[in-house]
Amino acid sequence: MSELAKIEHHDVAPISEGAAILQLIERAAANPSVDLDKMERLFQMRERFEKEAARKSFNAAVSAAKGEIGPIFKNRVVYFTSQKGRTNYRHEDFAEVARTVDPVLNRHGLSYRHRAKQEGQRLSVTCVLSHRDGHSEETTLEAAEDHSGNKNTIQAIGSASTYLQRYTLKLALGLSTSDQDDDARSSGSVAGVVSEEQIEELQRKIVQTDSDLPKFLGYFKIATLAEMPAKEFPRAMASLNKKAKQNG
């Protein structure tokens, strides 16, 4: 009768497969007739079992965490002009992704880290998602340095790095980004921003009236015209038109 069969034959409480393998190893180690080759196979069996158990725990934790992670809001605005034209879009920064996922991952024994390497002007970033039971999986993306918006070399590397960090983490967790912006999160409704055409109209009127752009932005509590809420556009234009009449 095999060792495993002997264990099962005894009238004892049911034990886990891992405990059964451990008992096999202990009995084999105490048996002088068991050679080193058999002991090695037993240890390999235990190692395979532990790796599979860790993988299952990892998958279960990721699945549970994904079900609890809330929407990731687009909290940043990008607006710049280049030779290719104007670029204007909203996105979430890495801090917003981390703020959303970190507490949930921690509750489920998950953690992540990033490593990077660069070859020429291309940057490769890998997200390593790990579980406390030992299993980890990697997600890698690469991109060129981001020289948009007149960035210097260090800024271009940093921009590409943070872009790849947030996208590798989102891919590793199977997450998407909400179409809502950060204003929507606080107000409970979708707060849209001005369109590209409205931005151009504001720019023309600001130039025509010789208005102080920093002061104008400060009045509306925004960093760029692209951040202006659409609902504020009529008021902004009314203010500029009033100044135009005053200037004669």
C-alpha atoms as a PDB file:
ATOM      1  CA  MET A   1       0.000   0.000   0.000  1.00  0.00           C
ATOM      2  CA  SER A   2       1.366   3.454  -0.933  1.00  0.00           C
ATOM      3  CA  GLU A   3       2.118   6.070   1.724  1.00  0.00           C
ATOM      4  CA  LEU A   4      -0.797   8.242   0.526  1.00  0.00           C
ATOM      5  CA  ALA A   5      -3.133   5.236   0.629  1.00  0.00           C
ATOM      6  CA  LYS A   6      -1.990   4.417   4.163  1.00  0.00           C
ATOM      7  CA  ILE A   7      -2.799   7.970   5.239  1.00  0.00           C
ATOM      8  CA  GLU A   8      -6.243   7.770   3.645  1.00  0.00           C
ATOM      9  CA  HIS A   9      -6.867   4.288   5.127  1.00  0.00           C
ATOM     10  CA  HIS A  10      -6.554   5.471   8.745  1.00  0.00           C
ATOM     11  CA  ASP A  11      -9.736   6.611  10.452  1.00  0.00           C
ATOM     12  CA  VAL A  12      -8.714  10.268  10.882  1.00  0.00           C
ATOM     13  CA  ALA A  13     -10.282  13.608  10.143  1.00  0.00           C
ATOM     14  CA  PRO A  14      -9.961  14.740   6.493  1.00  0.00           C
ATOM     15  CA  ILE A  15      -6.815  16.749   5.784  1.00  0.00           C
ATOM     16  CA  SER A  16      -5.892  19.053   2.935  1.00  0.00           C
ATOM     17  CA  GLU A  17      -3.867  17.901  -0.037  1.00  0.00           C
ATOM     18  CA  GLY A  18      -0.987  20.098   1.089  1.00  0.00           C
ATOM     19  CA  ALA A  19      -0.985  18.540   4.555  1.00  0.00           C
ATOM     20  CA  ALA A  20      -1.134  15.068   3.027  1.00  0.00           C
ATOM     21  CA  ILE A  21       1.938  15.785   0.895  1.00  0.00           C
ATOM     22  CA  LEU A  22       3.767  17.142   3.942  1.00  0.00           C
ATOM     23  CA  GLN A  23       2.956  13.959   5.865  1.00  0.00           C
ATOM     24  CA  LEU A  24       4.281  11.896   2.961  1.00  0.00           C
ATOM     25  CA  ILE A  25       7.567  13.795   3.077  1.00  0.00           C
ATOM     26  CA  GLU A  26       7.857  13.430   6.853  1.00  0.00           C
ATOM     27  CA  ARG A  27       7.212   9.675   6.710  1.00  0.00           C
ATOM     28  CA  ALA A  28       9.596   9.256   3.786  1.00  0.00           C
ATOM     29  CA  ALA A  29      12.309  11.181   5.598  1.00  0.00           C
ATOM     30  CA  ALA A  30      11.916   8.888   8.622  1.00  0.00           C
ATOM     31  CA  ASN A  31      12.104   5.775   6.455  1.00  0.00           C
ATOM     32  CA  PRO A  32      15.733   4.748   5.781  1.00  0.00           C
ATOM     33  CA  SER A  33      14.658   2.676   2.762  1.00  0.00           C
ATOM     34  CA  VAL A  34      13.490   5.761   0.835  1.00  0.00           C
ATOM     35  CA  ASP A  35      16.305   6.980  -1.441  1.00  0.00           C
ATOM     36  CA  LEU A  36      17.202  10.569  -2.284  1.00  0.00           C
ATOM     37  CA  ASP A  37      15.614  10.366  -5.747  1.00  0.00           C
ATOM     38  CA  LYS A  38      12.186   9.620  -4.250  1.00  0.00           C
ATOM     39  CA  MET A  39      12.635  12.387  -1.687  1.00  0.00           C
ATOM     40  CA  GLU A  40      13.449  14.860  -4.459  1.00  0.00           C
ATOM     41  CA  ARG A  41      10.313  13.872  -6.364  1.00  0.00           C
ATOM     42  CA  LEU A  42       8.243  14.384  -3.206  1.00  0.00           C
ATOM     43  CA  PHE A  43       9.698  17.861  -2.713  1.00  0.00           C
ATOM     44  CA  GLN A  44       9.015  18.690  -6.360  1.00  0.00           C
ATOM     45  CA  MET A  45       5.435  17.509  -5.888  1.00  0.00           C
ATOM     46  CA  ARG A  46       5.055  19.777  -2.875  1.00  0.00           C
ATOM     47  CA  GLU A  47       6.589  22.729  -4.756  1.00  0.00           C
ATOM     48  CA  ARG A  48       4.196  22.267  -7.694  1.00  0.00           C
ATOM     49  CA  PHE A  49       1.256  22.080  -5.302  1.00  0.00           C
ATOM     50  CA  GLU A  50       2.282  25.254  -3.468  1.00  0.00           C
ATOM     51  CA  LYS A  51       2.771  27.159  -6.728  1.00  0.00           C
ATOM     52  CA  GLU A  52      -0.638  26.098  -8.002  1.00  0.00           C
ATOM     53  CA  ALA A  53      -2.285  27.003  -4.699  1.00  0.00           C
ATOM     54  CA  ALA A  54      -0.585  30.429  -4.786  1.00  0.00           C
ATOM     55  CA  ARG A  55      -1.721  30.986  -8.374  1.00  0.00           C
ATOM     56  CA  LYS A  56      -5.330  30.180  -7.441  1.00  0.00           C
ATOM     57  CA  SER A  57      -5.148  32.539  -4.456  1.00  0.00           C
ATOM     58  CA  PHE A  58      -3.760  35.273  -6.707  1.00  0.00           C
ATOM     59  CA  ASN A  59      -6.550  34.874  -9.279  1.00  0.00           C
ATOM     60  CA  ALA A  60      -9.206  34.853  -6.576  1.00  0.00           C
ATOM     61  CA  ALA A  61      -7.767  37.988  -4.960  1.00  0.00           C
ATOM     62  CA  VAL A  62      -7.558  39.882  -8.271  1.00  0.00           C
ATOM     63  CA  SER A  63     -11.113  38.899  -9.141  1.00  0.00           C
ATOM     64  CA  ALA A  64     -12.414  40.021  -5.746  1.00  0.00           C
ATOM     65  CA  ALA A  65     -10.448  43.285  -5.847  1.00  0.00           C
ATOM     66  CA  LYS A  66     -11.651  44.113  -9.343  1.00  0.00           C
ATOM     67  CA  GLY A  67     -15.225  43.781  -8.143  1.00  0.00           C
ATOM     68  CA  GLU A  68     -14.603  46.359  -5.393  1.00  0.00           C
ATOM     69  CA  ILE A  69     -12.500  48.940  -7.250  1.00  0.00           C
ATOM     70  CA  GLY A  70     -14.560  51.994  -8.122  1.00  0.00           C
ATOM     71  CA  PRO A  71     -14.346  54.060 -11.324  1.00  0.00           C
ATOM     72  CA  ILE A  72     -11.083  55.827 -12.124  1.00  0.00           C
ATOM     73  CA  PHE A  73     -11.862  59.448 -12.954  1.00  0.00           C
ATOM     74  CA  LYS A  74     -10.120  61.622 -15.535  1.00  0.00           C
ATOM     75  CA  ASN A  75      -8.725  64.329 -13.291  1.00  0.00           C
ATOM     76  CA  ARG A  76      -6.198  65.993 -15.603  1.00  0.00           C
ATOM     77  CA  VAL A  77      -6.454  68.183 -18.716  1.00  0.00           C
ATOM     78  CA  VAL A  78      -3.820  68.272 -21.456  1.00  0.00           C
ATOM     79  CA  TYR A  79      -3.831  71.215 -23.848  1.00  0.00           C
ATOM     80  CA  PHE A  80      -0.994  72.303 -26.106  1.00  0.00           C
ATOM     81  CA  THR A  81      -0.295  73.436 -29.669  1.00  0.00           C
ATOM     82  CA  SER A  82       2.323  71.816 -31.890  1.00  0.00           C
ATOM     83  CA  GLN A  83       3.153  71.621 -35.593  1.00  0.00           C
ATOM     84  CA  LYS A  84       0.472  68.955 -35.873  1.00  0.00           C
ATOM     85  CA  GLY A  85      -2.181  71.283 -34.453  1.00  0.00           C
ATOM     86  CA  ARG A  86      -3.924  71.586 -31.084  1.00  0.00           C
ATOM     87  CA  THR A  87      -4.158  68.734 -28.610  1.00  0.00           C
ATOM     88  CA  ASN A  88      -6.850  68.813 -25.944  1.00  0.00           C
ATOM     89  CA  TYR A  89      -7.937  65.839 -23.864  1.00  0.00           C
ATOM     90  CA  ARG A  90      -8.622  64.675 -20.321  1.00  0.00           C
ATOM     91  CA  HIS A  91      -6.932  61.744 -18.598  1.00  0.00           C
ATOM     92  CA  GLU A  92      -6.318  60.249 -15.169  1.00  0.00           C
ATOM     93  CA  ASP A  93      -2.860  60.639 -13.650  1.00  0.00           C
ATOM     94  CA  PHE A  94      -1.026  57.824 -11.868  1.00  0.00           C
ATOM     95  CA  ALA A  95      -1.823  59.317  -8.457  1.00  0.00           C
ATOM     96  CA  GLU A  96      -5.544  59.056  -9.245  1.00  0.00           C
ATOM     97  CA  VAL A  97      -5.168  55.407 -10.286  1.00  0.00           C
ATOM     98  CA  ALA A  98      -3.207  54.632  -7.103  1.00  0.00           C
ATOM     99  CA  ARG A  99      -5.708  56.515  -4.921  1.00  0.00           C
ATOM    100  CA  THR A 100      -8.497  54.372  -6.338  1.00  0.00           C
ATOM    101  CA  VAL A 101      -6.889  50.919  -6.317  1.00  0.00           C
ATOM    102  CA  ASP A 102      -4.363  50.866  -3.449  1.00  0.00           C
ATOM    103  CA  PRO A 103      -6.776  50.483  -0.503  1.00  0.00           C
ATOM    104  CA  VAL A 104      -8.654  47.660  -2.228  1.00  0.00           C
ATOM    105  CA  LEU A 105      -5.514  45.811  -3.288  1.00  0.00           C
ATOM    106  CA  ASN A 106      -4.156  46.035   0.251  1.00  0.00           C
ATOM    107  CA  ARG A 107      -7.310  44.445   1.671  1.00  0.00           C
ATOM    108  CA  HIS A 108      -6.859  41.466  -0.638  1.00  0.00           C
ATOM    109  CA  GLY A 109      -3.139  40.952  -0.043  1.00  0.00           C
ATOM    110  CA  LEU A 110      -2.121  42.387  -3.414  1.00  0.00           C
ATOM    111  CA  SER A 111       0.682  44.821  -4.150  1.00  0.00           C
ATOM    112  CA  TYR A 112       2.472  46.150  -7.213  1.00  0.00           C
ATOM    113  CA  ARG A 113       5.756  47.664  -8.249  1.00  0.00           C
ATOM    114  CA  HIS A 114       7.267  48.866 -11.508  1.00  0.00           C
ATOM    115  CA  ARG A 115      10.618  48.415 -13.147  1.00  0.00           C
ATOM    116  CA  ALA A 116      11.841  50.183 -16.251  1.00  0.00           C
ATOM    117  CA  LYS A 117      14.576  50.073 -18.853  1.00  0.00           C
ATOM    118  CA  GLN A 118      15.452  52.373 -21.723  1.00  0.00           C
ATOM    119  CA  GLU A 119      17.003  51.679 -25.104  1.00  0.00           C
ATOM    120  CA  GLY A 120      17.666  54.806 -27.129  1.00  0.00           C
ATOM    121  CA  GLN A 121      14.520  56.939 -26.974  1.00  0.00           C
ATOM    122  CA  ARG A 122      12.205  54.038 -26.172  1.00  0.00           C
ATOM    123  CA  LEU A 123      11.163  53.265 -22.614  1.00  0.00           C
ATOM    124  CA  SER A 124       9.870  49.902 -21.387  1.00  0.00           C
ATOM    125  CA  VAL A 125       7.923  49.658 -18.112  1.00  0.00           C
ATOM    126  CA  THR A 126       6.841  46.441 -16.396  1.00  0.00           C
ATOM    127  CA  CYS A 127       4.184  46.262 -13.690  1.00  0.00           C
ATOM    128  CA  VAL A 128       4.721  43.372 -11.278  1.00  0.00           C
ATOM    129  CA  LEU A 129       1.469  42.486  -9.511  1.00  0.00           C
ATOM    130  CA  SER A 130       2.050  40.219  -6.499  1.00  0.00           C
ATOM    131  CA  HIS A 131      -0.043  38.365  -3.918  1.00  0.00           C
ATOM    132  CA  ARG A 132       0.961  37.678  -0.321  1.00  0.00           C
ATOM    133  CA  ASP A 133       0.921  33.894  -0.979  1.00  0.00           C
ATOM    134  CA  GLY A 134       3.834  34.298  -3.383  1.00  0.00           C
ATOM    135  CA  HIS A 135       2.398  34.300  -6.900  1.00  0.00           C
ATOM    136  CA  SER A 136       3.070  37.305  -9.176  1.00  0.00           C
ATOM    137  CA  GLU A 137       2.404  38.228 -12.798  1.00  0.00           C
ATOM    138  CA  GLU A 138       3.983  40.841 -15.062  1.00  0.00           C
ATOM    139  CA  THR A 139       2.561  43.239 -17.648  1.00  0.00           C
ATOM    140  CA  THR A 140       4.943  45.147 -19.927  1.00  0.00           C
ATOM    141  CA  LEU A 141       4.408  48.050 -22.332  1.00  0.00           C
ATOM    142  CA  GLU A 142       6.875  50.273 -24.164  1.00  0.00           C
ATOM    143  CA  ALA A 143       6.675  53.692 -25.778  1.00  0.00           C
ATOM    144  CA  ALA A 144       8.871  56.454 -27.159  1.00  0.00           C
ATOM    145  CA  GLU A 145       9.833  59.468 -25.066  1.00  0.00           C
ATOM    146  CA  ASP A 146       6.936  61.954 -24.937  1.00  0.00           C
ATOM    147  CA  HIS A 147       8.290  65.206 -26.395  1.00  0.00           C
ATOM    148  CA  SER A 148       4.846  66.732 -26.933  1.00  0.00           C
ATOM    149  CA  GLY A 149       4.156  70.185 -25.535  1.00  0.00           C
ATOM    150  CA  ASN A 150       7.820  71.295 -25.873  1.00  0.00           C
ATOM    151  CA  LYS A 151       9.035  69.008 -23.056  1.00  0.00           C
ATOM    152  CA  ASN A 152      12.757  68.728 -22.380  1.00  0.00           C
ATOM    153  CA  THR A 153      14.427  65.300 -22.359  1.00  0.00           C
ATOM    154  CA  ILE A 154      13.910  64.603 -18.644  1.00  0.00           C
ATOM    155  CA  GLN A 155      10.272  65.701 -18.829  1.00  0.00           C
ATOM    156  CA  ALA A 156       9.753  63.561 -21.928  1.00  0.00           C
ATOM    157  CA  ILE A 157      11.095  60.472 -20.138  1.00  0.00           C
ATOM    158  CA  GLY A 158       9.045  61.212 -17.010  1.00  0.00           C
ATOM    159  CA  SER A 159       5.846  61.694 -19.014  1.00  0.00           C
ATOM    160  CA  ALA A 160       6.299  58.424 -20.899  1.00  0.00           C
ATOM    161  CA  SER A 161       7.172  56.630 -17.663  1.00  0.00           C
ATOM    162  CA  THR A 162       4.077  57.717 -15.742  1.00  0.00           C
ATOM    163  CA  TYR A 163       1.917  56.990 -18.796  1.00  0.00           C
ATOM    164  CA  LEU A 164       3.254  53.432 -18.968  1.00  0.00           C
ATOM    165  CA  GLN A 165       3.001  52.956 -15.195  1.00  0.00           C
ATOM    166  CA  ARG A 166      -0.697  53.709 -15.075  1.00  0.00           C
ATOM    167  CA  TYR A 167      -1.533  51.733 -18.205  1.00  0.00           C
ATOM    168  CA  THR A 168       0.411  48.620 -17.183  1.00  0.00           C
ATOM    169  CA  LEU A 169      -1.303  48.674 -13.772  1.00  0.00           C
ATOM    170  CA  LYS A 170      -4.731  49.099 -15.353  1.00  0.00           C
ATOM    171  CA  LEU A 171      -4.013  46.255 -17.782  1.00  0.00           C
ATOM    172  CA  ALA A 172      -2.754  44.003 -14.998  1.00  0.00           C
ATOM    173  CA  LEU A 173      -6.006  44.536 -13.101  1.00  0.00           C
ATOM    174  CA  GLY A 174      -8.264  44.629 -16.143  1.00  0.00           C
ATOM    175  CA  LEU A 175      -9.554  48.119 -15.334  1.00  0.00           C
ATOM    176  CA  SER A 176     -10.994  50.893 -17.482  1.00  0.00           C
ATOM    177  CA  THR A 177     -11.375  54.641 -16.980  1.00  0.00           C
ATOM    178  CA  SER A 178     -14.651  56.422 -16.350  1.00  0.00           C
ATOM    179  CA  ASP A 179     -15.890  58.867 -18.985  1.00  0.00           C
ATOM    180  CA  GLN A 180     -16.689  61.212 -16.107  1.00  0.00           C
ATOM    181  CA  ASP A 181     -14.192  63.789 -14.955  1.00  0.00           C
ATOM    182  CA  ASP A 182     -13.046  64.775 -11.478  1.00  0.00           C
ATOM    183  CA  ASP A 183     -15.745  67.457 -11.184  1.00  0.00           C
ATOM    184  CA  ALA A 184     -18.347  64.771 -11.799  1.00  0.00           C
ATOM    185  CA  ARG A 185     -17.020  62.792  -8.864  1.00  0.00           C
ATOM    186  CA  SER A 186     -17.583  65.661  -6.444  1.00  0.00           C
ATOM    187  CA  SER A 187     -20.869  66.923  -7.846  1.00  0.00           C
ATOM    188  CA  GLY A 188     -22.477  63.626  -8.750  1.00  0.00           C
ATOM    189  CA  SER A 189     -23.044  64.691 -12.360  1.00  0.00           C
ATOM    190  CA  VAL A 190     -21.020  64.920 -15.551  1.00  0.00           C
ATOM    191  CA  ALA A 191     -19.339  68.312 -15.755  1.00  0.00           C
ATOM    192  CA  GLY A 192     -18.121  68.801 -19.356  1.00  0.00           C
ATOM    193  CA  VAL A 193     -15.421  71.220 -20.434  1.00  0.00           C
ATOM    194  CA  VAL A 194     -15.334  73.708 -23.279  1.00  0.00           C
ATOM    195  CA  SER A 195     -14.856  72.397 -26.816  1.00  0.00           C
ATOM    196  CA  GLU A 196     -11.851  73.122 -29.018  1.00  0.00           C
ATOM    197  CA  GLU A 197     -13.919  75.655 -30.987  1.00  0.00           C
ATOM    198  CA  GLN A 198     -14.910  77.434 -27.771  1.00  0.00           C
ATOM    199  CA  ILE A 199     -11.276  77.545 -26.677  1.00  0.00           C
ATOM    200  CA  GLU A 200     -10.335  79.199 -29.970  1.00  0.00           C
ATOM    201  CA  GLU A 201     -13.162  81.718 -29.535  1.00  0.00           C
ATOM    202  CA  LEU A 202     -11.965  82.564 -26.037  1.00  0.00           C
ATOM    203  CA  GLN A 203      -8.402  82.928 -27.251  1.00  0.00           C
ATOM    204  CA  ARG A 204      -9.413  85.323 -30.046  1.00  0.00           C
ATOM    205  CA  LYS A 205     -11.494  87.439 -27.687  1.00  0.00           C
ATOM    206  CA  ILE A 206      -8.712  87.558 -25.068  1.00  0.00           C
ATOM    207  CA  VAL A 207      -6.271  88.807 -27.721  1.00  0.00           C
ATOM    208  CA  GLN A 208      -8.791  91.317 -29.121  1.00  0.00           C
ATOM    209  CA  THR A 209      -9.451  92.816 -25.691  1.00  0.00           C
ATOM    210  CA  ASP A 210      -5.786  92.689 -24.644  1.00  0.00           C
ATOM    211  CA  SER A 211      -6.894  90.817 -21.513  1.00  0.00           C
ATOM    212  CA  ASP A 212      -4.499  89.483 -18.884  1.00  0.00           C
ATOM    213  CA  LEU A 213      -4.675  85.708 -19.458  1.00  0.00           C
ATOM    214  CA  PRO A 214      -3.273  84.630 -16.030  1.00  0.00           C
ATOM    215  CA  LYS A 215      -5.713  86.956 -14.274  1.00  0.00           C
ATOM    216  CA  PHE A 216      -8.569  85.676 -16.461  1.00  0.00           C
ATOM    217  CA  LEU A 217      -7.698  82.033 -15.641  1.00  0.00           C
ATOM    218  CA  GLY A 218      -7.348  82.858 -11.971  1.00  0.00           C
ATOM    219  CA  TYR A 219     -10.817  84.425 -11.901  1.00  0.00           C
ATOM    220  CA  PHE A 220     -12.316  81.156 -13.141  1.00  0.00           C
ATOM    221  CA  LYS A 221      -9.963  79.075 -10.926  1.00  0.00           C
ATOM    222  CA  ILE A 222      -8.462  77.083 -13.803  1.00  0.00           C
ATOM    223  CA  ALA A 223      -4.908  76.508 -15.027  1.00  0.00           C
ATOM    224  CA  THR A 224      -5.670  76.508 -18.770  1.00  0.00           C
ATOM    225  CA  LEU A 225      -8.598  77.477 -20.984  1.00  0.00           C
ATOM    226  CA  ALA A 226      -9.123  73.781 -21.729  1.00  0.00           C
ATOM    227  CA  GLU A 227     -10.107  73.256 -18.080  1.00  0.00           C
ATOM    228  CA  MET A 228     -12.987  75.718 -18.198  1.00  0.00           C
ATOM    229  CA  PRO A 229     -16.337  74.011 -17.485  1.00  0.00           C
ATOM    230  CA  ALA A 230     -18.718  74.309 -20.440  1.00  0.00           C
ATOM    231  CA  LYS A 231     -21.336  75.903 -18.184  1.00  0.00           C
ATOM    232  CA  GLU A 232     -18.939  78.810 -17.539  1.00  0.00           C
ATOM    233  CA  PHE A 233     -18.356  79.563 -21.243  1.00  0.00           C
ATOM    234  CA  PRO A 234     -21.319  81.993 -21.642  1.00  0.00           C
ATOM    235  CA  ARG A 235     -20.231  83.959 -18.555  1.00  0.00           C
ATOM    236  CA  ALA A 236     -16.640  84.075 -19.753  1.00  0.00           C
ATOM    237  CA  MET A 237     -17.651  85.341 -23.190  1.00  0.00           C
ATOM    238  CA  ALA A 238     -20.041  87.891 -21.667  1.00  0.00           C
ATOM    239  CA  SER A 239     -17.200  89.218 -19.537  1.00  0.00           C
ATOM    240  CA  LEU A 240     -14.882  89.538 -22.529  1.00  0.00           C
ATOM    241  CA  ASN A 241     -17.584  91.127 -24.717  1.00  0.00           C
ATOM    242  CA  LYS A 242     -18.271  93.661 -21.970  1.00  0.00           C
ATOM    243  CA  LYS A 243     -14.591  94.551 -21.883  1.00  0.00           C
ATOM    244  CA  ALA A 244     -14.525  94.851 -25.671  1.00  0.00           C
ATOM    245  CA  LYS A 245     -17.384  97.428 -25.511  1.00  0.00           C
ATOM    246  CA  GLN A 246     -15.601  99.340 -22.773  1.00  0.00           C
ATOM    247  CA  ASN A 247     -12.468  99.483 -24.904  1.00  0.00           C
ATOM    248  CA  GLY A 248     -14.604 100.998 -27.672  1.00  0.00           C
END
